[in-house]
Amino acid sequence: MLKIKNFLFLLLLFNFYSCDKLDTRELVVKNSSDRIIYSILSENDQMNDAGFYYEYQNDFDETKRGDYDTPFIFKEIKKGEKIANHDRPRFWDNYFERLEDKKARLFIVKKDSVDKYGWKTIFKKNIYNKKYLLTIENLEKMNWEIEYKGD
């Protein structure tokens, strides 16, 4: 009986230490422009490839939305603000490993564009004001902060 308890204890201990640790790195976007902006992280050159934005895909049927299926809320980044990107992966290393070219895309969209076209058109036509191609090495060199200057 004691051997079984020891075995179970060791099994639990091994399982605990073999689990992925929480990745606390955050991609911070600093808005140094004079406009309100939004940031969107993507695995490729299409902004709506992430599961966060499924309701903006062409084939989304609004009538199929479930009770707990709330729309994604975009976070405004006002002039002078620094905000952690809202659509980050859970584990950055795994995220970059699975990217075909090992580069993430960070799209900046001005609020003026959203007001003019709406999110559905922004995603359908891939409308953005700036696109950054990022490797994990780039982000580490930049201390995980991207500054948008409005250029």
Protein backbone atom coordinates (compact mmCIF):
# COMPACT_ATOMS: atom_id res chain seq x y z
CA MET A 1 0.00 0.00 0.00
CA LEU A 2 2.84 2.37 0.85
CA LYS A 3 4.49 1.68 -2.52
CA ILE A 4 1.28 2.62 -4.35
CA LYS A 5 1.00 5.88 -2.41
CA ASN A 6 4.64 6.73 -3.14
CA PHE A 7 4.16 5.89 -6.80
CA LEU A 8 1.05 8.10 -7.03
CA PHE A 9 2.85 10.91 -5.23
CA LEU A 10 5.80 10.72 -7.64
CA LEU A 11 3.45 10.55 -10.61
CA LEU A 12 1.61 13.69 -9.46
CA LEU A 13 4.88 15.46 -8.72
CA PHE A 14 6.30 14.60 -12.15
CA ASN A 15 3.08 15.71 -13.84
CA PHE A 16 3.16 19.03 -11.98
CA TYR A 17 6.75 19.81 -12.97
CA SER A 18 6.29 18.73 -16.57
CA CYS A 19 3.38 21.10 -17.20
CA ASP A 20 3.91 24.31 -19.14
CA LYS A 21 4.58 27.26 -16.91
CA LEU A 22 2.45 30.35 -17.24
CA ASP A 23 3.88 32.64 -19.93
CA THR A 24 3.64 36.13 -18.49
CA ARG A 25 5.24 37.99 -21.41
CA GLU A 26 2.88 40.53 -22.91
CA LEU A 27 3.06 42.38 -26.17
CA VAL A 28 2.56 46.03 -25.28
CA VAL A 29 1.47 48.57 -27.87
CA LYS A 30 2.40 52.19 -27.23
CA ASN A 31 0.43 54.80 -29.14
CA SER A 32 2.64 57.80 -29.90
CA SER A 33 0.35 59.02 -32.68
CA ASP A 34 -2.35 61.64 -32.34
CA ARG A 35 -5.17 59.17 -33.17
CA ILE A 36 -6.99 56.44 -31.29
CA ILE A 37 -5.89 53.04 -32.58
CA TYR A 38 -6.57 49.31 -32.18
CA SER A 39 -4.08 46.45 -32.44
CA ILE A 40 -4.74 43.02 -33.93
CA LEU A 41 -2.33 40.08 -33.74
CA SER A 42 -2.40 37.56 -36.57
CA GLU A 43 -0.53 34.45 -37.67
CA ASN A 44 -0.50 35.53 -41.33
CA ASP A 45 -1.36 38.44 -43.62
CA GLN A 46 -5.10 38.02 -43.04
CA MET A 47 -6.29 39.87 -39.96
CA ASN A 48 -9.23 37.59 -39.22
CA ASP A 49 -7.41 34.27 -38.95
CA ALA A 50 -7.52 34.28 -35.14
CA GLY A 51 -10.42 32.65 -33.34
CA PHE A 52 -11.07 35.92 -31.53
CA TYR A 53 -12.64 37.50 -34.60
CA TYR A 54 -14.79 34.71 -36.01
CA GLU A 55 -17.90 36.91 -36.03
CA TYR A 56 -16.24 39.14 -38.63
CA GLN A 57 -15.65 36.31 -41.09
CA ASN A 58 -17.78 36.28 -44.22
CA ASP A 59 -19.65 33.08 -43.43
CA PHE A 60 -20.63 33.98 -39.85
CA ASP A 61 -24.38 33.69 -39.25
CA GLU A 62 -25.43 36.07 -36.47
CA THR A 63 -28.54 33.97 -35.79
CA LYS A 64 -26.28 31.06 -34.73
CA ARG A 65 -24.64 33.05 -31.93
CA GLY A 66 -24.99 31.25 -28.59
CA ASP A 67 -25.93 32.73 -25.23
CA TYR A 68 -22.30 32.72 -24.06
CA ASP A 69 -20.94 33.69 -27.46
CA THR A 70 -20.42 37.41 -26.93
CA PRO A 71 -18.84 39.63 -29.60
CA PHE A 72 -15.17 40.46 -29.24
CA ILE A 73 -14.63 43.86 -27.61
CA PHE A 74 -11.80 45.84 -29.15
CA LYS A 75 -9.72 47.90 -26.74
CA GLU A 76 -9.01 51.47 -27.76
CA ILE A 77 -5.43 52.67 -27.41
CA LYS A 78 -5.56 56.40 -26.93
CA LYS A 79 -2.77 58.91 -27.58
CA GLY A 80 0.11 58.35 -25.16
CA GLU A 81 -1.27 55.07 -23.79
CA LYS A 82 0.51 51.74 -23.49
CA ILE A 83 -1.78 48.72 -23.52
CA ALA A 84 -1.05 45.00 -23.55
CA ASN A 85 -2.35 43.42 -26.73
CA HIS A 86 -5.72 41.83 -26.05
CA ASP A 87 -5.53 38.85 -28.44
CA ARG A 88 -2.25 37.31 -27.32
CA PRO A 89 -1.55 33.59 -27.36
CA ARG A 90 -1.29 31.68 -24.13
CA PHE A 91 2.29 30.53 -24.77
CA TRP A 92 4.45 32.69 -27.03
CA ASP A 93 7.14 30.10 -27.80
CA ASN A 94 4.55 27.57 -29.01
CA TYR A 95 2.79 30.29 -30.99
CA PHE A 96 5.91 31.28 -32.92
CA GLU A 97 6.97 27.66 -33.45
CA ARG A 98 3.75 26.86 -35.30
CA LEU A 99 3.86 29.92 -37.58
CA GLU A 100 4.78 28.96 -41.12
CA ASP A 101 7.38 31.72 -41.50
CA LYS A 102 7.97 32.17 -37.73
CA LYS A 103 6.67 35.75 -38.00
CA ALA A 104 3.57 37.16 -36.36
CA ARG A 105 1.77 40.14 -37.77
CA LEU A 106 0.61 43.05 -35.66
CA PHE A 107 -1.90 45.23 -37.46
CA ILE A 108 -2.69 48.76 -36.36
CA VAL A 109 -6.12 50.09 -37.31
CA LYS A 110 -7.12 53.69 -36.66
CA LYS A 111 -10.45 54.32 -34.99
CA ASP A 112 -11.31 56.68 -37.87
CA SER A 113 -11.18 53.70 -40.26
CA VAL A 114 -13.44 51.63 -38.00
CA ASP A 115 -15.91 54.50 -37.72
CA LYS A 116 -15.92 54.89 -41.50
CA TYR A 117 -16.08 51.22 -42.60
CA GLY A 118 -17.06 49.15 -39.56
CA TRP A 119 -15.26 46.04 -38.28
CA LYS A 120 -16.87 43.64 -40.74
CA THR A 121 -15.52 45.58 -43.74
CA ILE A 122 -12.15 46.15 -42.03
CA PHE A 123 -11.69 42.38 -41.73
CA LYS A 124 -13.24 41.50 -45.09
CA LYS A 125 -11.01 43.91 -47.02
CA ASN A 126 -8.01 43.65 -44.67
CA ILE A 127 -7.94 47.41 -44.05
CA TYR A 128 -5.18 48.55 -41.73
CA ASN A 129 -2.86 51.51 -41.28
CA LYS A 130 0.34 49.71 -40.32
CA LYS A 131 1.57 46.13 -40.27
CA TYR A 132 4.54 44.92 -38.24
CA LEU A 133 6.25 41.60 -38.99
CA LEU A 134 7.58 40.25 -35.71
CA THR A 135 9.78 37.36 -34.68
CA ILE A 136 10.15 36.32 -31.08
CA GLU A 137 13.76 37.54 -31.25
CA ASN A 138 12.57 40.99 -32.42
CA LEU A 139 10.13 41.19 -29.54
CA GLU A 140 12.78 40.23 -27.01
CA LYS A 141 15.14 42.91 -28.36
CA MET A 142 12.32 45.49 -28.16
CA ASN A 143 11.43 44.34 -24.64
CA TRP A 144 8.00 43.25 -25.96
CA GLU A 145 6.93 46.81 -26.75
CA ILE A 146 5.84 48.14 -30.14
CA GLU A 147 5.59 51.88 -30.57
CA TYR A 148 3.17 53.16 -33.19
CA LYS A 149 4.14 56.69 -34.23
CA GLY A 150 1.45 57.22 -36.82
CA ASP A 151 3.70 56.75 -39.85
